[in-house]
């Protein structure tokens, strides 16, 4: 899994990069078909904006956003939303039940 961290309007500190790396490493526990993760950290006025783009094999990219006054809480919110999207995608792919169509079918 390739991880890229991009910052806008500020310089990343090693502590922030390490914190993001630690949070992103746990994505592989929830879904193992990730090919790349891109984290964009933006600082505008008094707000930190975080965007997480997950490239998943055989699926459209998953995108999550979060904003907060505190950088670490914005990172936590964004990664939690990404984990939720990954678990939803995994359960959708593993749903073996074939549901009949609800409308327009023969009845």
PDB file of N, CA and C in Angstrom:
ATOM      1  N   UNK A   1       0.851  -1.164   0.000  1.00  0.00           N
ATOM      2  CA  UNK A   1       0.000   0.000   0.000  1.00  0.00           C
ATOM      3  C   UNK A   1       0.900   1.231   0.000  1.00  0.00           C
ATOM      4  N   UNK A   2       0.655   2.096  -0.952  1.00  0.00           N
ATOM      5  CA  UNK A   2       1.433   3.321  -1.081  1.00  0.00           C
ATOM      6  C   UNK A   2       0.723   4.450  -0.325  1.00  0.00           C
ATOM      7  N   UNK A   3       1.468   5.157   0.505  1.00  0.00           N
ATOM      8  CA  UNK A   3       0.905   6.238   1.308  1.00  0.00           C
ATOM      9  C   UNK A   3       1.598   7.539   0.932  1.00  0.00           C
ATOM     10  N   UNK A   4       0.792   8.562   0.609  1.00  0.00           N
ATOM     11  CA  UNK A   4       1.367   9.876   0.330  1.00  0.00           C
ATOM     12  C   UNK A   4       0.659  10.917   1.184  1.00  0.00           C
ATOM     13  N   UNK A   5       1.455  11.798   1.766  1.00  0.00           N
ATOM     14  CA  UNK A   5       0.943  12.865   2.619  1.00  0.00           C
ATOM     15  C   UNK A   5       1.306  14.190   1.974  1.00  0.00           C
ATOM     16  N   UNK A   6       0.293  15.001   1.699  1.00  0.00           N
ATOM     17  CA  UNK A   6       0.488  16.297   1.071  1.00  0.00           C
ATOM     18  C   UNK A   6      -0.020  17.371   2.023  1.00  0.00           C
ATOM     19  N   UNK A   7       0.741  18.442   2.165  1.00  0.00           N
ATOM     20  CA  UNK A   7       0.301  19.547   3.012  1.00  0.00           C
ATOM     21  C   UNK A   7       0.181  20.807   2.168  1.00  0.00           C
ATOM     22  N   UNK A   8      -0.803  21.611   2.508  1.00  0.00           N
ATOM     23  CA  UNK A   8      -1.015  22.884   1.843  1.00  0.00           C
ATOM     24  C   UNK A   8      -1.002  23.982   2.901  1.00  0.00           C
ATOM     25  N   UNK A   9      -0.355  25.062   2.596  1.00  0.00           N
ATOM     26  CA  UNK A   9      -0.298  26.255   3.441  1.00  0.00           C
ATOM     27  C   UNK A   9       0.379  26.033   4.787  1.00  0.00           C
ATOM     28  N   UNK A  10       1.157  25.007   4.913  1.00  0.00           N
ATOM     29  CA  UNK A  10       1.916  24.780   6.142  1.00  0.00           C
ATOM     30  C   UNK A  10       2.983  23.731   5.858  1.00  0.00           C
ATOM     31  N   UNK A  11       3.919  23.610   6.776  1.00  0.00           N
ATOM     32  CA  UNK A  11       4.963  22.600   6.666  1.00  0.00           C
ATOM     33  C   UNK A  11       4.652  21.455   7.623  1.00  0.00           C
ATOM     34  N   UNK A  12       4.778  20.214   7.152  1.00  0.00           N
ATOM     35  CA  UNK A  12       4.487  19.087   8.046  1.00  0.00           C
ATOM     36  C   UNK A  12       5.625  18.867   9.033  1.00  0.00           C
ATOM     37  N   UNK A  13       5.276  18.546  10.247  1.00  0.00           N
ATOM     38  CA  UNK A  13       6.274  18.194  11.238  1.00  0.00           C
ATOM     39  C   UNK A  13       6.417  16.678  11.254  1.00  0.00           C
ATOM     40  N   UNK A  14       7.557  16.174  11.669  1.00  0.00           N
ATOM     41  CA  UNK A  14       7.715  14.712  11.744  1.00  0.00           C
ATOM     42  C   UNK A  14       6.699  14.053  12.676  1.00  0.00           C
ATOM     43  N   UNK A  15       6.282  14.750  13.714  1.00  0.00           N
ATOM     44  CA  UNK A  15       5.304  14.175  14.640  1.00  0.00           C
ATOM     45  C   UNK A  15       3.948  13.990  13.961  1.00  0.00           C
ATOM     46  N   UNK A  16       3.546  14.962  13.148  1.00  0.00           N
ATOM     47  CA  UNK A  16       2.269  14.859  12.439  1.00  0.00           C
ATOM     48  C   UNK A  16       2.338  13.752  11.396  1.00  0.00           C
ATOM     49  N   UNK A  17       3.440  13.687  10.664  1.00  0.00           N
ATOM     50  CA  UNK A  17       3.583  12.643   9.653  1.00  0.00           C
ATOM     51  C   UNK A  17       3.573  11.252  10.294  1.00  0.00           C
ATOM     52  N   UNK A  18       4.213  11.111  11.438  1.00  0.00           N
ATOM     53  CA  UNK A  18       4.228   9.832  12.146  1.00  0.00           C
ATOM     54  C   UNK A  18       2.833   9.465  12.643  1.00  0.00           C
ATOM     55  N   UNK A  19       2.090  10.466  13.145  1.00  0.00           N
ATOM     56  CA  UNK A  19       0.732  10.237  13.633  1.00  0.00           C
ATOM     57  C   UNK A  19      -0.186   9.791  12.490  1.00  0.00           C
ATOM     58  N   UNK A  20      -0.077  10.456  11.343  1.00  0.00           N
ATOM     59  CA  UNK A  20      -0.882  10.077  10.183  1.00  0.00           C
ATOM     60  C   UNK A  20      -0.501   8.674   9.716  1.00  0.00           C
ATOM     61  N   UNK A  21       0.779   8.384   9.678  1.00  0.00           N
ATOM     62  CA  UNK A  21       1.251   7.065   9.254  1.00  0.00           C
ATOM     63  C   UNK A  21       0.683   5.973  10.163  1.00  0.00           C
ATOM     64  N   UNK A  22       0.677   6.225  11.458  1.00  0.00           N
ATOM     65  CA  UNK A  22       0.159   5.250  12.410  1.00  0.00           C
ATOM     66  C   UNK A  22      -1.342   5.031  12.202  1.00  0.00           C
ATOM     67  N   UNK A  23      -2.081   6.094  11.927  1.00  0.00           N
ATOM     68  CA  UNK A  23      -3.515   5.990  11.703  1.00  0.00           C
ATOM     69  C   UNK A  23      -3.830   5.269  10.399  1.00  0.00           C
ATOM     70  N   UNK A  24      -3.042   5.539   9.359  1.00  0.00           N
ATOM     71  CA  UNK A  24      -3.290   4.945   8.042  1.00  0.00           C
ATOM     72  C   UNK A  24      -2.900   3.469   8.019  1.00  0.00           C
ATOM     73  N   UNK A  25      -1.920   3.088   8.796  1.00  0.00           N
ATOM     74  CA  UNK A  25      -1.483   1.693   8.832  1.00  0.00           C
ATOM     75  C   UNK A  25      -2.595   0.749   9.285  1.00  0.00           C
ATOM     76  N   UNK A  26      -3.532   1.241  10.058  1.00  0.00           N
ATOM     77  CA  UNK A  26      -4.602   0.379  10.541  1.00  0.00           C
ATOM     78  C   UNK A  26      -5.671   0.105   9.486  1.00  0.00           C
ATOM     79  N   UNK A  27      -5.640   0.816   8.346  1.00  0.00           N
ATOM     80  CA  UNK A  27      -6.617   0.573   7.286  1.00  0.00           C
ATOM     81  C   UNK A  27      -6.522  -0.849   6.751  1.00  0.00           C
ATOM     82  N   UNK A  28      -5.327  -1.398   6.707  1.00  0.00           N
ATOM     83  CA  UNK A  28      -5.150  -2.748   6.163  1.00  0.00           C
ATOM     84  C   UNK A  28      -5.821  -3.807   7.037  1.00  0.00           C
ATOM     85  N   UNK A  29      -6.112  -3.496   8.286  1.00  0.00           N
ATOM     86  CA  UNK A  29      -6.832  -4.432   9.152  1.00  0.00           C
ATOM     87  C   UNK A  29      -8.287  -4.583   8.715  1.00  0.00           C
ATOM     88  N   UNK A  30      -8.844  -3.523   8.159  1.00  0.00           N
ATOM     89  CA  UNK A  30     -10.251  -3.518   7.798  1.00  0.00           C
ATOM     90  C   UNK A  30     -10.502  -3.961   6.365  1.00  0.00           C
ATOM     91  N   UNK A  31      -9.541  -3.690   5.450  1.00  0.00           N
ATOM     92  CA  UNK A  31      -9.726  -4.041   4.048  1.00  0.00           C
ATOM     93  C   UNK A  31      -8.349  -4.233   3.438  1.00  0.00           C
ATOM     94  N   UNK A  32      -8.122  -5.388   2.827  1.00  0.00           N
ATOM     95  CA  UNK A  32      -6.772  -5.705   2.367  1.00  0.00           C
ATOM     96  C   UNK A  32      -6.522  -5.405   0.899  1.00  0.00           C
ATOM     97  N   UNK A  33      -7.493  -4.882   0.177  1.00  0.00           N
ATOM     98  CA  UNK A  33      -7.322  -4.603  -1.239  1.00  0.00           C
ATOM     99  C   UNK A  33      -7.070  -3.121  -1.515  1.00  0.00           C
ATOM    100  N   UNK A  34      -6.397  -2.441  -0.611  1.00  0.00           N
ATOM    101  CA  UNK A  34      -6.047  -1.035  -0.811  1.00  0.00           C
ATOM    102  C   UNK A  34      -4.763  -0.954  -1.624  1.00  0.00           C
ATOM    103  N   UNK A  35      -4.760  -0.107  -2.639  1.00  0.00           N
ATOM    104  CA  UNK A  35      -3.544   0.051  -3.428  1.00  0.00           C
ATOM    105  C   UNK A  35      -2.800   1.328  -3.064  1.00  0.00           C
ATOM    106  N   UNK A  36      -3.530   2.392  -2.693  1.00  0.00           N
ATOM    107  CA  UNK A  36      -2.872   3.656  -2.344  1.00  0.00           C
ATOM    108  C   UNK A  36      -3.764   4.469  -1.415  1.00  0.00           C
ATOM    109  N   UNK A  37      -3.119   5.255  -0.573  1.00  0.00           N
ATOM    110  CA  UNK A  37      -3.812   6.174   0.324  1.00  0.00           C
ATOM    111  C   UNK A  37      -3.161   7.539   0.177  1.00  0.00           C
ATOM    112  N   UNK A  38      -3.979   8.563  -0.061  1.00  0.00           N
ATOM    113  CA  UNK A  38      -3.472   9.925  -0.165  1.00  0.00           C
ATOM    114  C   UNK A  38      -4.150  10.775   0.903  1.00  0.00           C
ATOM    115  N   UNK A  39      -3.353  11.399   1.742  1.00  0.00           N
ATOM    116  CA  UNK A  39      -3.846  12.277   2.795  1.00  0.00           C
ATOM    117  C   UNK A  39      -3.449  13.707   2.430  1.00  0.00           C
ATOM    118  N   UNK A  40      -4.427  14.604   2.406  1.00  0.00           N
ATOM    119  CA  UNK A  40      -4.168  16.016   2.110  1.00  0.00           C
ATOM    120  C   UNK A  40      -4.508  16.813   3.357  1.00  0.00           C
ATOM    121  N   UNK A  41      -3.520  17.523   3.876  1.00  0.00           N
ATOM    122  CA  UNK A  41      -3.676  18.338   5.082  1.00  0.00           C
ATOM    123  C   UNK A  41      -3.642  19.790   4.650  1.00  0.00           C
ATOM    124  N   UNK A  42      -4.696  20.530   4.966  1.00  0.00           N
ATOM    125  CA  UNK A  42      -4.797  21.936   4.573  1.00  0.00           C
ATOM    126  C   UNK A  42      -5.089  22.770   5.813  1.00  0.00           C
ATOM    127  N   UNK A  43      -4.520  23.948   5.854  1.00  0.00           N
ATOM    128  CA  UNK A  43      -4.746  24.869   6.977  1.00  0.00           C
ATOM    129  C   UNK A  43      -5.260  26.179   6.406  1.00  0.00           C
ATOM    130  N   UNK A  44      -6.497  26.543   6.777  1.00  0.00           N
ATOM    131  CA  UNK A  44      -7.098  27.787   6.330  1.00  0.00           C
ATOM    132  C   UNK A  44      -7.620  28.539   7.544  1.00  0.00           C
ATOM    133  N   UNK A  45      -7.112  29.732   7.732  1.00  0.00           N
ATOM    134  CA  UNK A  45      -7.458  30.582   8.873  1.00  0.00           C
ATOM    135  C   UNK A  45      -7.278  29.820  10.175  1.00  0.00           C
ATOM    136  N   UNK A  46      -8.349  29.538  10.897  1.00  0.00           N
ATOM    137  CA  UNK A  46      -8.242  28.840  12.180  1.00  0.00           C
ATOM    138  C   UNK A  46      -8.721  27.398  12.100  1.00  0.00           C
ATOM    139  N   UNK A  47      -8.765  26.852  10.891  1.00  0.00           N
ATOM    140  CA  UNK A  47      -9.351  25.533  10.712  1.00  0.00           C
ATOM    141  C   UNK A  47      -8.397  24.618   9.942  1.00  0.00           C
ATOM    142  N   UNK A  48      -8.341  23.369  10.365  1.00  0.00           N
ATOM    143  CA  UNK A  48      -7.546  22.352   9.683  1.00  0.00           C
ATOM    144  C   UNK A  48      -8.496  21.475   8.883  1.00  0.00           C
ATOM    145  N   UNK A  49      -8.217  21.319   7.600  1.00  0.00           N
ATOM    146  CA  UNK A  49      -9.034  20.495   6.718  1.00  0.00           C
ATOM    147  C   UNK A  49      -8.225  19.263   6.320  1.00  0.00           C
ATOM    148  N   UNK A  50      -8.813  18.091   6.475  1.00  0.00           N
ATOM    149  CA  UNK A  50      -8.154  16.840   6.143  1.00  0.00           C
ATOM    150  C   UNK A  50      -9.003  16.127   5.089  1.00  0.00           C
ATOM    151  N   UNK A  51      -8.337  15.615   4.060  1.00  0.00           N
ATOM    152  CA  UNK A  51      -9.011  14.831   3.036  1.00  0.00           C
ATOM    153  C   UNK A  51      -8.241  13.534   2.867  1.00  0.00           C
ATOM    154  N   UNK A  52      -8.962  12.445   2.842  1.00  0.00           N
ATOM    155  CA  UNK A  52      -8.362  11.122   2.705  1.00  0.00           C
ATOM    156  C   UNK A  52      -8.953  10.446   1.470  1.00  0.00           C
ATOM    157  N   UNK A  53      -8.088  10.074   0.522  1.00  0.00           N
ATOM    158  CA  UNK A  53      -8.520   9.415  -0.705  1.00  0.00           C
ATOM    159  C   UNK A  53      -7.932   7.999  -0.706  1.00  0.00           C
ATOM    160  N   UNK A  54      -8.804   7.010  -0.701  1.00  0.00           N
ATOM    161  CA  UNK A  54      -8.391   5.611  -0.671  1.00  0.00           C
ATOM    162  C   UNK A  54      -8.617   4.992  -2.044  1.00  0.00           C
ATOM    163  N   UNK A  55      -7.568   4.503  -2.649  1.00  0.00           N
ATOM    164  CA  UNK A  55      -7.676   3.803  -3.928  1.00  0.00           C
ATOM    165  C   UNK A  55      -7.839   2.315  -3.644  1.00  0.00           C
ATOM    166  N   UNK A  56      -8.987   1.788  -4.051  1.00  0.00           N
ATOM    167  CA  UNK A  56      -9.325   0.402  -3.788  1.00  0.00           C
ATOM    168  C   UNK A  56      -9.354  -0.348  -5.115  1.00  0.00           C
ATOM    169  N   UNK A  57      -8.791  -1.549  -5.124  1.00  0.00           N
ATOM    170  CA  UNK A  57      -8.789  -2.358  -6.333  1.00  0.00           C
ATOM    171  C   UNK A  57     -10.220  -2.741  -6.717  1.00  0.00           C
ATOM    172  N   UNK A  58     -10.548  -2.628  -7.988  1.00  0.00           N
ATOM    173  CA  UNK A  58     -11.846  -3.009  -8.553  1.00  0.00           C
ATOM    174  C   UNK A  58     -12.999  -2.196  -7.976  1.00  0.00           C
ATOM    175  N   UNK A  59     -12.744  -0.954  -7.592  1.00  0.00           N
ATOM    176  CA  UNK A  59     -13.794  -0.113  -7.042  1.00  0.00           C
ATOM    177  C   UNK A  59     -13.424   1.352  -7.240  1.00  0.00           C
ATOM    178  N   UNK A  60     -14.402   2.199  -7.107  1.00  0.00           N
ATOM    179  CA  UNK A  60     -14.159   3.635  -7.193  1.00  0.00           C
ATOM    180  C   UNK A  60     -13.416   4.087  -5.934  1.00  0.00           C
ATOM    181  N   UNK A  61     -12.651   5.168  -6.021  1.00  0.00           N
ATOM    182  CA  UNK A  61     -11.940   5.649  -4.827  1.00  0.00           C
ATOM    183  C   UNK A  61     -12.915   6.099  -3.739  1.00  0.00           C
ATOM    184  N   UNK A  62     -12.519   5.874  -2.500  1.00  0.00           N
ATOM    185  CA  UNK A  62     -13.303   6.310  -1.348  1.00  0.00           C
ATOM    186  C   UNK A  62     -12.698   7.604  -0.829  1.00  0.00           C
ATOM    187  N   UNK A  63     -13.530   8.609  -0.604  1.00  0.00           N
ATOM    188  CA  UNK A  63     -13.049   9.919  -0.182  1.00  0.00           C
ATOM    189  C   UNK A  63     -13.746  10.295   1.119  1.00  0.00           C
ATOM    190  N   UNK A  64     -12.972  10.758   2.088  1.00  0.00           N
ATOM    191  CA  UNK A  64     -13.543  11.238   3.342  1.00  0.00           C
ATOM    192  C   UNK A  64     -12.917  12.592   3.677  1.00  0.00           C
ATOM    193  N   UNK A  65     -13.703  13.446   4.305  1.00  0.00           N
ATOM    194  CA  UNK A  65     -13.280  14.796   4.675  1.00  0.00           C
ATOM    195  C   UNK A  65     -13.545  15.018   6.157  1.00  0.00           C
ATOM    196  N   UNK A  66     -12.763  15.898   6.749  1.00  0.00           N
ATOM    197  CA  UNK A  66     -13.003  16.318   8.127  1.00  0.00           C
ATOM    198  C   UNK A  66     -12.354  17.678   8.334  1.00  0.00           C
ATOM    199  N   UNK A  67     -12.941  18.464   9.220  1.00  0.00           N
ATOM    200  CA  UNK A  67     -12.355  19.761   9.558  1.00  0.00           C
ATOM    201  C   UNK A  67     -12.562  20.011  11.043  1.00  0.00           C
ATOM    202  N   UNK A  68     -11.566  20.670  11.628  1.00  0.00           N
ATOM    203  CA  UNK A  68     -11.627  20.957  13.058  1.00  0.00           C
ATOM    204  C   UNK A  68     -10.595  22.033  13.387  1.00  0.00           C
ATOM    205  N   UNK A  69     -10.754  22.632  14.561  1.00  0.00           N
ATOM    206  CA  UNK A  69      -9.767  23.604  15.026  1.00  0.00           C
ATOM    207  C   UNK A  69      -8.467  22.905  15.418  1.00  0.00           C
ATOM    208  N   UNK A  70      -8.571  21.678  15.896  1.00  0.00           N
ATOM    209  CA  UNK A  70      -7.417  20.896  16.320  1.00  0.00           C
ATOM    210  C   UNK A  70      -7.022  19.933  15.209  1.00  0.00           C
ATOM    211  N   UNK A  71      -5.753  19.931  14.837  1.00  0.00           N
ATOM    212  CA  UNK A  71      -5.270  19.103  13.740  1.00  0.00           C
ATOM    213  C   UNK A  71      -5.426  17.612  14.048  1.00  0.00           C
ATOM    214  N   UNK A  72      -5.085  17.209  15.246  1.00  0.00           N
ATOM    215  CA  UNK A  72      -5.145  15.792  15.600  1.00  0.00           C
ATOM    216  C   UNK A  72      -6.584  15.273  15.626  1.00  0.00           C
ATOM    217  N   UNK A  73      -7.527  16.076  16.083  1.00  0.00           N
ATOM    218  CA  UNK A  73      -8.920  15.623  16.076  1.00  0.00           C
ATOM    219  C   UNK A  73      -9.462  15.560  14.649  1.00  0.00           C
ATOM    220  N   UNK A  74      -9.012  16.450  13.769  1.00  0.00           N
ATOM    221  CA  UNK A  74      -9.426  16.390  12.360  1.00  0.00           C
ATOM    222  C   UNK A  74      -8.890  15.116  11.701  1.00  0.00           C
ATOM    223  N   UNK A  75      -7.659  14.752  12.015  1.00  0.00           N
ATOM    224  CA  UNK A  75      -7.083  13.511  11.475  1.00  0.00           C
ATOM    225  C   UNK A  75      -7.868  12.309  11.995  1.00  0.00           C
ATOM    226  N   UNK A  76      -8.198  12.315  13.290  1.00  0.00           N
ATOM    227  CA  UNK A  76      -8.971  11.213  13.871  1.00  0.00           C
ATOM    228  C   UNK A  76     -10.336  11.078  13.205  1.00  0.00           C
ATOM    229  N   UNK A  77     -11.035  12.203  13.019  1.00  0.00           N
ATOM    230  CA  UNK A  77     -12.364  12.173  12.393  1.00  0.00           C
ATOM    231  C   UNK A  77     -12.291  11.654  10.968  1.00  0.00           C
ATOM    232  N   UNK A  78     -11.313  12.105  10.219  1.00  0.00           N
ATOM    233  CA  UNK A  78     -11.183  11.708   8.819  1.00  0.00           C
ATOM    234  C   UNK A  78     -10.857  10.219   8.692  1.00  0.00           C
ATOM    235  N   UNK A  79      -9.940   9.731   9.507  1.00  0.00           N
ATOM    236  CA  UNK A  79      -9.584   8.310   9.430  1.00  0.00           C
ATOM    237  C   UNK A  79     -10.732   7.422   9.921  1.00  0.00           C
ATOM    238  N   UNK A  80     -11.485   7.890  10.918  1.00  0.00           N
ATOM    239  CA  UNK A  80     -12.637   7.115  11.379  1.00  0.00           C
ATOM    240  C   UNK A  80     -13.693   7.011  10.281  1.00  0.00           C
ATOM    241  N   UNK A  81     -13.907   8.089   9.538  1.00  0.00           N
ATOM    242  CA  UNK A  81     -14.862   8.058   8.438  1.00  0.00           C
ATOM    243  C   UNK A  81     -14.374   7.144   7.319  1.00  0.00           C
ATOM    244  N   UNK A  82     -13.080   7.133   7.078  1.00  0.00           N
ATOM    245  CA  UNK A  82     -12.519   6.253   6.053  1.00  0.00           C
ATOM    246  C   UNK A  82     -12.663   4.787   6.462  1.00  0.00           C
ATOM    247  N   UNK A  83     -12.450   4.488   7.737  1.00  0.00           N
ATOM    248  CA  UNK A  83     -12.618   3.121   8.236  1.00  0.00           C
ATOM    249  C   UNK A  83     -14.069   2.686   8.069  1.00  0.00           C
ATOM    250  N   UNK A  84     -14.986   3.580   8.342  1.00  0.00           N
ATOM    251  CA  UNK A  84     -16.410   3.260   8.187  1.00  0.00           C
ATOM    252  C   UNK A  84     -16.724   2.933   6.726  1.00  0.00           C
ATOM    253  N   UNK A  85     -16.180   3.712   5.804  1.00  0.00           N
ATOM    254  CA  UNK A  85     -16.409   3.447   4.391  1.00  0.00           C
ATOM    255  C   UNK A  85     -15.797   2.115   3.973  1.00  0.00           C
ATOM    256  N   UNK A  86     -14.630   1.800   4.499  1.00  0.00           N
ATOM    257  CA  UNK A  86     -13.989   0.525   4.173  1.00  0.00           C
ATOM    258  C   UNK A  86     -14.797  -0.665   4.688  1.00  0.00           C
ATOM    259  N   UNK A  87     -15.298  -0.575   5.899  1.00  0.00           N
ATOM    260  CA  UNK A  87     -16.079  -1.679   6.448  1.00  0.00           C
ATOM    261  C   UNK A  87     -17.406  -1.826   5.706  1.00  0.00           C
ATOM    262  N   UNK A  88     -18.016  -0.710   5.301  1.00  0.00           N
ATOM    263  CA  UNK A  88     -19.248  -0.788   4.520  1.00  0.00           C
ATOM    264  C   UNK A  88     -18.991  -1.445   3.168  1.00  0.00           C
ATOM    265  N   UNK A  89     -17.890  -1.083   2.526  1.00  0.00           N
ATOM    266  CA  UNK A  89     -17.549  -1.679   1.237  1.00  0.00           C
ATOM    267  C   UNK A  89     -17.270  -3.167   1.384  1.00  0.00           C
ATOM    268  N   UNK A  90     -16.575  -3.544   2.440  1.00  0.00           N
ATOM    269  CA  UNK A  90     -16.255  -4.954   2.662  1.00  0.00           C
ATOM    270  C   UNK A  90     -17.526  -5.764   2.892  1.00  0.00           C
ATOM    271  N   UNK A  91     -18.442  -5.241   3.697  1.00  0.00           N
ATOM    272  CA  UNK A  91     -19.677  -5.978   3.946  1.00  0.00           C
ATOM    273  C   UNK A  91     -20.539  -6.031   2.683  1.00  0.00           C
ATOM    274  N   UNK A  92     -20.488  -5.018   1.864  1.00  0.00           N
ATOM    275  CA  UNK A  92     -21.234  -5.018   0.610  1.00  0.00           C
ATOM    276  C   UNK A  92     -20.679  -6.075  -0.345  1.00  0.00           C
ATOM    277  N   UNK A  93     -19.357  -6.195  -0.410  1.00  0.00           N
ATOM    278  CA  UNK A  93     -18.735  -7.181  -1.289  1.00  0.00           C
ATOM    279  C   UNK A  93     -18.923  -8.611  -0.802  1.00  0.00           C
ATOM    280  N   UNK A  94     -19.008  -8.803   0.502  1.00  0.00           N
ATOM    281  CA  UNK A  94     -19.125 -10.146   1.064  1.00  0.00           C
ATOM    282  C   UNK A  94     -20.569 -10.597   1.245  1.00  0.00           C
ATOM    283  N   UNK A  95     -21.520  -9.766   0.872  1.00  0.00           N
ATOM    284  CA  UNK A  95     -22.924 -10.139   1.006  1.00  0.00           C
ATOM    285  C   UNK A  95     -23.238 -11.191  -0.051  1.00  0.00           C
ATOM    286  N   UNK A  96     -23.350 -12.432   0.363  1.00  0.00           N
ATOM    287  CA  UNK A  96     -23.564 -13.537  -0.559  1.00  0.00           C
ATOM    288  C   UNK A  96     -25.025 -13.747  -0.904  1.00  0.00           C
ATOM    289  N   UNK A  97     -25.912 -13.072  -0.226  1.00  0.00           N
ATOM    290  CA  UNK A  97     -27.336 -13.267  -0.435  1.00  0.00           C
ATOM    291  C   UNK A  97     -27.758 -12.603  -1.739  1.00  0.00           C
ATOM    292  N   UNK A  98     -28.543 -13.314  -2.494  1.00  0.00           N
ATOM    293  CA  UNK A  98     -29.060 -12.776  -3.740  1.00  0.00           C
ATOM    294  C   UNK A  98     -30.489 -12.308  -3.483  1.00  0.00           C
ATOM    295  N   UNK A  99     -30.637 -11.018  -3.372  1.00  0.00           N
ATOM    296  CA  UNK A  99     -31.942 -10.456  -3.065  1.00  0.00           C
ATOM    297  C   UNK A  99     -32.755 -10.308  -4.356  1.00  0.00           C
ATOM    298  N   UNK A 100     -34.008 -10.724  -4.338  1.00  0.00           N
ATOM    299  CA  UNK A 100     -34.831 -10.552  -5.529  1.00  0.00           C
ATOM    300  C   UNK A 100     -35.151  -9.068  -5.736  1.00  0.00           C
ATOM    301  N   UNK A 101     -35.381  -8.665  -6.973  1.00  0.00           N
ATOM    302  CA  UNK A 101     -35.737  -7.263  -7.202  1.00  0.00           C
ATOM    303  C   UNK A 101     -37.070  -6.952  -6.543  1.00  0.00           C
ATOM    304  N   UNK A 102     -37.185  -5.729  -6.029  1.00  0.00           N
ATOM    305  CA  UNK A 102     -38.398  -5.362  -5.314  1.00  0.00           C
ATOM    306  C   UNK A 102     -39.459  -4.801  -6.232  1.00  0.00           C
ATOM    307  N   UNK A 103     -39.076  -4.229  -7.356  1.00  0.00           N
ATOM    308  CA  UNK A 103     -40.074  -3.636  -8.260  1.00  0.00           C
ATOM    309  C   UNK A 103     -39.782  -4.050  -9.690  1.00  0.00           C
ATOM    310  N   UNK A 104     -40.825  -4.143 -10.476  1.00  0.00           N
ATOM    311  CA  UNK A 104     -40.666  -4.422 -11.890  1.00  0.00           C
ATOM    312  C   UNK A 104     -40.458  -5.871 -12.229  1.00  0.00           C
ATOM    313  N   UNK A 105     -40.486  -6.740 -11.276  1.00  0.00           N
ATOM    314  CA  UNK A 105     -40.278  -8.158 -11.535  1.00  0.00           C
ATOM    315  C   UNK A 105     -41.614  -8.873 -11.741  1.00  0.00           C
ATOM    316  N   UNK A 106     -41.514 -10.127 -12.130  1.00  0.00           N
ATOM    317  CA  UNK A 106     -42.730 -10.912 -12.293  1.00  0.00           C
ATOM    318  C   UNK A 106     -43.278 -11.270 -10.922  1.00  0.00           C
ATOM    319  N   UNK A 107     -44.557 -11.240 -10.774  1.00  0.00           N
ATOM    320  CA  UNK A 107     -45.072 -11.440  -9.457  1.00  0.00           C
ATOM    321  C   UNK A 107     -46.161 -12.373  -9.390  1.00  0.00           C
TER     322      UNK A 107
END
